[in-house]
Amino acid sequence: MPLWFFPALLGLSALVTMACGIWLLLHLTALAHMFAGKADIVWPRAWPRASQRTVKRLLGGFLGAGVVSIATLALVASGLASALTA
């Protein structure tokens, strides 16, 4: 693997996590509508402007990119990344 692979992977996953997180924050009514009735989340007064399918995809992208970021950081911190790039 080239030397730039792990920093590029970390940057890309951080960008995806940030983009999905900002979108989810801007569409909190759709997120609350999806989880309404569970725990202490109540129905929002406004109707959601995004479908549940879109919310699920972006929530999956947010969590998936977060897992990739943590895995990349763990791989680099453990020293295994240097063996893979050599």
N, C-alpha and C. Protein backbone atom coordinates (compact mmCIF):
# COMPACT_ATOMS: atom_id res chain seq x y z
N MET A 1 0.84 -1.18 0.00
CA MET A 1 0.00 0.00 0.00
C MET A 1 0.88 1.24 0.00
N PRO A 2 0.46 2.26 -0.69
CA PRO A 2 1.25 3.48 -0.69
C PRO A 2 1.20 4.17 0.68
N LEU A 3 2.16 5.02 0.90
CA LEU A 3 2.30 5.69 2.19
C LEU A 3 1.13 6.62 2.50
N TRP A 4 0.48 7.17 1.49
CA TRP A 4 -0.59 8.13 1.68
C TRP A 4 -1.94 7.47 1.94
N PHE A 5 -2.02 6.15 1.92
CA PHE A 5 -3.31 5.45 2.01
C PHE A 5 -4.03 5.69 3.34
N PHE A 6 -3.33 5.52 4.45
CA PHE A 6 -3.98 5.65 5.76
C PHE A 6 -4.39 7.08 6.08
N PRO A 7 -3.56 8.08 5.80
CA PRO A 7 -4.05 9.45 6.01
C PRO A 7 -5.24 9.81 5.10
N ALA A 8 -5.23 9.32 3.88
CA ALA A 8 -6.35 9.59 2.97
C ALA A 8 -7.61 8.89 3.46
N LEU A 9 -7.48 7.67 3.95
CA LEU A 9 -8.63 6.94 4.48
C LEU A 9 -9.19 7.63 5.72
N LEU A 10 -8.32 8.09 6.58
CA LEU A 10 -8.76 8.80 7.78
C LEU A 10 -9.42 10.13 7.41
N GLY A 11 -8.86 10.85 6.47
CA GLY A 11 -9.46 12.11 6.04
C GLY A 11 -10.81 11.92 5.38
N LEU A 12 -10.92 10.90 4.54
CA LEU A 12 -12.19 10.62 3.87
C LEU A 12 -13.26 10.20 4.87
N SER A 13 -12.91 9.35 5.81
CA SER A 13 -13.90 8.92 6.81
C SER A 13 -14.28 10.08 7.73
N ALA A 14 -13.35 10.97 8.04
CA ALA A 14 -13.69 12.15 8.84
C ALA A 14 -14.62 13.07 8.07
N LEU A 15 -14.39 13.23 6.79
CA LEU A 15 -15.25 14.07 5.95
C LEU A 15 -16.66 13.50 5.86
N VAL A 16 -16.77 12.19 5.67
CA VAL A 16 -18.09 11.55 5.59
C VAL A 16 -18.81 11.66 6.93
N THR A 17 -18.10 11.43 8.03
CA THR A 17 -18.71 11.54 9.36
C THR A 17 -19.21 12.96 9.61
N MET A 18 -18.41 13.94 9.24
CA MET A 18 -18.79 15.33 9.46
C MET A 18 -19.99 15.71 8.59
N ALA A 19 -19.99 15.31 7.33
CA ALA A 19 -21.10 15.63 6.44
C ALA A 19 -22.41 14.98 6.90
N CYS A 20 -22.34 13.71 7.26
CA CYS A 20 -23.55 13.03 7.74
C CYS A 20 -24.03 13.62 9.06
N GLY A 21 -23.11 13.94 9.95
CA GLY A 21 -23.48 14.52 11.24
C GLY A 21 -24.13 15.88 11.09
N ILE A 22 -23.61 16.71 10.21
CA ILE A 22 -24.21 18.02 9.98
C ILE A 22 -25.59 17.87 9.37
N TRP A 23 -25.76 16.96 8.42
CA TRP A 23 -27.07 16.74 7.81
C TRP A 23 -28.06 16.26 8.86
N LEU A 24 -27.63 15.33 9.72
CA LEU A 24 -28.53 14.82 10.75
C LEU A 24 -28.91 15.91 11.75
N LEU A 25 -27.97 16.80 12.08
CA LEU A 25 -28.29 17.90 12.98
C LEU A 25 -29.27 18.88 12.34
N LEU A 26 -29.15 19.09 11.04
CA LEU A 26 -30.07 20.00 10.36
C LEU A 26 -31.46 19.39 10.16
N HIS A 27 -31.57 18.08 10.25
CA HIS A 27 -32.84 17.40 10.07
C HIS A 27 -33.22 16.63 11.34
N LEU A 28 -33.18 17.32 12.47
CA LEU A 28 -33.49 16.66 13.74
C LEU A 28 -34.94 16.21 13.84
N THR A 29 -35.85 16.89 13.15
CA THR A 29 -37.25 16.45 13.20
C THR A 29 -37.42 15.08 12.55
N ALA A 30 -36.70 14.84 11.45
CA ALA A 30 -36.77 13.53 10.81
C ALA A 30 -36.13 12.45 11.68
N LEU A 31 -35.05 12.81 12.35
CA LEU A 31 -34.39 11.85 13.25
C LEU A 31 -35.26 11.55 14.45
N ALA A 32 -35.89 12.58 15.02
CA ALA A 32 -36.79 12.37 16.16
C ALA A 32 -38.03 11.59 15.74
N HIS A 33 -38.51 11.82 14.53
CA HIS A 33 -39.68 11.09 14.02
C HIS A 33 -39.36 9.60 13.89
N MET A 34 -38.13 9.29 13.51
CA MET A 34 -37.73 7.90 13.35
C MET A 34 -37.65 7.18 14.68
N PHE A 35 -37.19 7.86 15.73
CA PHE A 35 -37.00 7.23 17.04
C PHE A 35 -38.10 7.59 18.03
N ALA A 36 -39.20 8.18 17.57
CA ALA A 36 -40.27 8.60 18.48
C ALA A 36 -40.90 7.38 19.16
N GLY A 37 -41.21 7.55 20.44
CA GLY A 37 -41.83 6.47 21.20
C GLY A 37 -40.83 5.57 21.89
N LYS A 38 -39.55 5.74 21.62
CA LYS A 38 -38.51 4.94 22.27
C LYS A 38 -37.81 5.82 23.29
N ALA A 39 -37.71 5.34 24.51
CA ALA A 39 -37.06 6.06 25.61
C ALA A 39 -37.82 7.37 25.87
N ASP A 40 -37.13 8.49 25.90
CA ASP A 40 -37.78 9.77 26.21
C ASP A 40 -37.98 10.64 24.98
N ILE A 41 -37.87 10.08 23.81
CA ILE A 41 -38.03 10.88 22.59
C ILE A 41 -39.51 10.97 22.25
N VAL A 42 -40.01 12.17 22.08
CA VAL A 42 -41.42 12.39 21.78
C VAL A 42 -41.56 12.81 20.32
N TRP A 43 -42.79 12.76 19.82
CA TRP A 43 -43.05 13.15 18.44
C TRP A 43 -42.79 14.64 18.28
N PRO A 44 -42.11 15.03 17.23
CA PRO A 44 -41.91 16.47 17.00
C PRO A 44 -43.20 17.11 16.50
N ARG A 45 -43.33 18.43 16.73
CA ARG A 45 -44.53 19.13 16.27
C ARG A 45 -44.55 19.28 14.76
N ALA A 46 -43.39 19.44 14.16
CA ALA A 46 -43.31 19.60 12.70
C ALA A 46 -43.15 18.24 12.03
N TRP A 47 -43.63 18.15 10.81
CA TRP A 47 -43.46 16.92 10.05
C TRP A 47 -42.01 16.85 9.54
N PRO A 48 -41.47 15.65 9.43
CA PRO A 48 -40.10 15.53 8.94
C PRO A 48 -40.01 15.91 7.46
N ARG A 49 -38.89 16.54 7.11
CA ARG A 49 -38.68 16.95 5.72
C ARG A 49 -37.87 15.93 4.94
N ALA A 50 -37.50 14.84 5.57
CA ALA A 50 -36.73 13.79 4.90
C ALA A 50 -37.36 12.44 5.23
N SER A 51 -37.20 11.49 4.33
CA SER A 51 -37.79 10.17 4.55
C SER A 51 -36.97 9.37 5.56
N GLN A 52 -37.61 8.37 6.13
CA GLN A 52 -36.90 7.51 7.09
C GLN A 52 -35.78 6.74 6.40
N ARG A 53 -35.98 6.42 5.15
CA ARG A 53 -34.95 5.71 4.39
C ARG A 53 -33.67 6.55 4.29
N THR A 54 -33.83 7.84 4.02
CA THR A 54 -32.68 8.73 3.94
C THR A 54 -32.00 8.88 5.28
N VAL A 55 -32.80 9.00 6.34
CA VAL A 55 -32.24 9.13 7.68
C VAL A 55 -31.47 7.87 8.06
N LYS A 56 -32.02 6.71 7.74
CA LYS A 56 -31.33 5.45 8.06
C LYS A 56 -30.01 5.34 7.30
N ARG A 57 -30.01 5.73 6.03
CA ARG A 57 -28.78 5.66 5.24
C ARG A 57 -27.71 6.59 5.80
N LEU A 58 -28.10 7.82 6.14
CA LEU A 58 -27.12 8.77 6.65
C LEU A 58 -26.66 8.42 8.06
N LEU A 59 -27.54 7.85 8.86
CA LEU A 59 -27.13 7.39 10.19
C LEU A 59 -26.16 6.21 10.07
N GLY A 60 -26.41 5.33 9.12
CA GLY A 60 -25.48 4.23 8.85
C GLY A 60 -24.15 4.73 8.33
N GLY A 61 -24.17 5.73 7.46
CA GLY A 61 -22.93 6.32 6.96
C GLY A 61 -22.16 7.00 8.07
N PHE A 62 -22.86 7.68 8.97
CA PHE A 62 -22.22 8.35 10.10
C PHE A 62 -21.54 7.32 11.01
N LEU A 63 -22.26 6.28 11.36
CA LEU A 63 -21.69 5.26 12.25
C LEU A 63 -20.60 4.45 11.56
N GLY A 64 -20.82 4.11 10.29
CA GLY A 64 -19.82 3.33 9.55
C GLY A 64 -18.51 4.09 9.37
N ALA A 65 -18.60 5.35 9.02
CA ALA A 65 -17.38 6.15 8.87
C ALA A 65 -16.69 6.36 10.20
N GLY A 66 -17.46 6.45 11.28
CA GLY A 66 -16.86 6.55 12.60
C GLY A 66 -16.10 5.29 12.98
N VAL A 67 -16.66 4.14 12.64
CA VAL A 67 -15.97 2.87 12.91
C VAL A 67 -14.69 2.76 12.08
N VAL A 68 -14.75 3.18 10.82
CA VAL A 68 -13.56 3.16 9.96
C VAL A 68 -12.48 4.09 10.52
N SER A 69 -12.89 5.25 11.03
CA SER A 69 -11.92 6.18 11.62
C SER A 69 -11.23 5.57 12.83
N ILE A 70 -12.03 4.97 13.72
CA ILE A 70 -11.46 4.36 14.92
C ILE A 70 -10.56 3.19 14.57
N ALA A 71 -10.97 2.37 13.60
CA ALA A 71 -10.15 1.24 13.19
C ALA A 71 -8.84 1.70 12.56
N THR A 72 -8.90 2.75 11.75
CA THR A 72 -7.67 3.28 11.13
C THR A 72 -6.73 3.83 12.19
N LEU A 73 -7.29 4.58 13.13
CA LEU A 73 -6.45 5.12 14.20
C LEU A 73 -5.83 4.01 15.04
N ALA A 74 -6.59 2.95 15.34
CA ALA A 74 -6.05 1.83 16.10
C ALA A 74 -4.96 1.10 15.33
N LEU A 75 -5.15 0.95 14.04
CA LEU A 75 -4.15 0.28 13.21
C LEU A 75 -2.86 1.09 13.14
N VAL A 76 -2.98 2.39 13.01
CA VAL A 76 -1.80 3.25 12.94
C VAL A 76 -1.11 3.32 14.30
N ALA A 77 -1.89 3.44 15.38
CA ALA A 77 -1.32 3.56 16.71
C ALA A 77 -0.62 2.28 17.16
N SER A 78 -1.10 1.14 16.69
CA SER A 78 -0.49 -0.13 17.09
C SER A 78 0.82 -0.42 16.34
N GLY A 79 1.06 0.29 15.26
CA GLY A 79 2.27 0.08 14.51
C GLY A 79 2.14 -0.90 13.36
N LEU A 80 0.99 -1.48 13.19
CA LEU A 80 0.78 -2.44 12.10
C LEU A 80 0.71 -1.74 10.74
N ALA A 81 0.35 -0.48 10.73
CA ALA A 81 0.24 0.24 9.46
C ALA A 81 1.59 0.40 8.79
N SER A 82 2.65 0.56 9.58
CA SER A 82 3.97 0.71 8.98
C SER A 82 4.43 -0.60 8.33
N ALA A 83 4.01 -1.72 8.88
CA ALA A 83 4.35 -3.01 8.26
C ALA A 83 3.57 -3.22 6.97
N LEU A 84 2.36 -2.68 6.90
CA LEU A 84 1.56 -2.83 5.68
C LEU A 84 2.01 -1.93 4.55
N THR A 85 2.56 -0.75 4.89
CA THR A 85 2.98 0.18 3.85
C THR A 85 4.39 -0.07 3.38
N ALA A 86 5.14 -0.89 4.06
CA ALA A 86 6.54 -1.14 3.67
C ALA A 86 6.65 -2.14 2.55
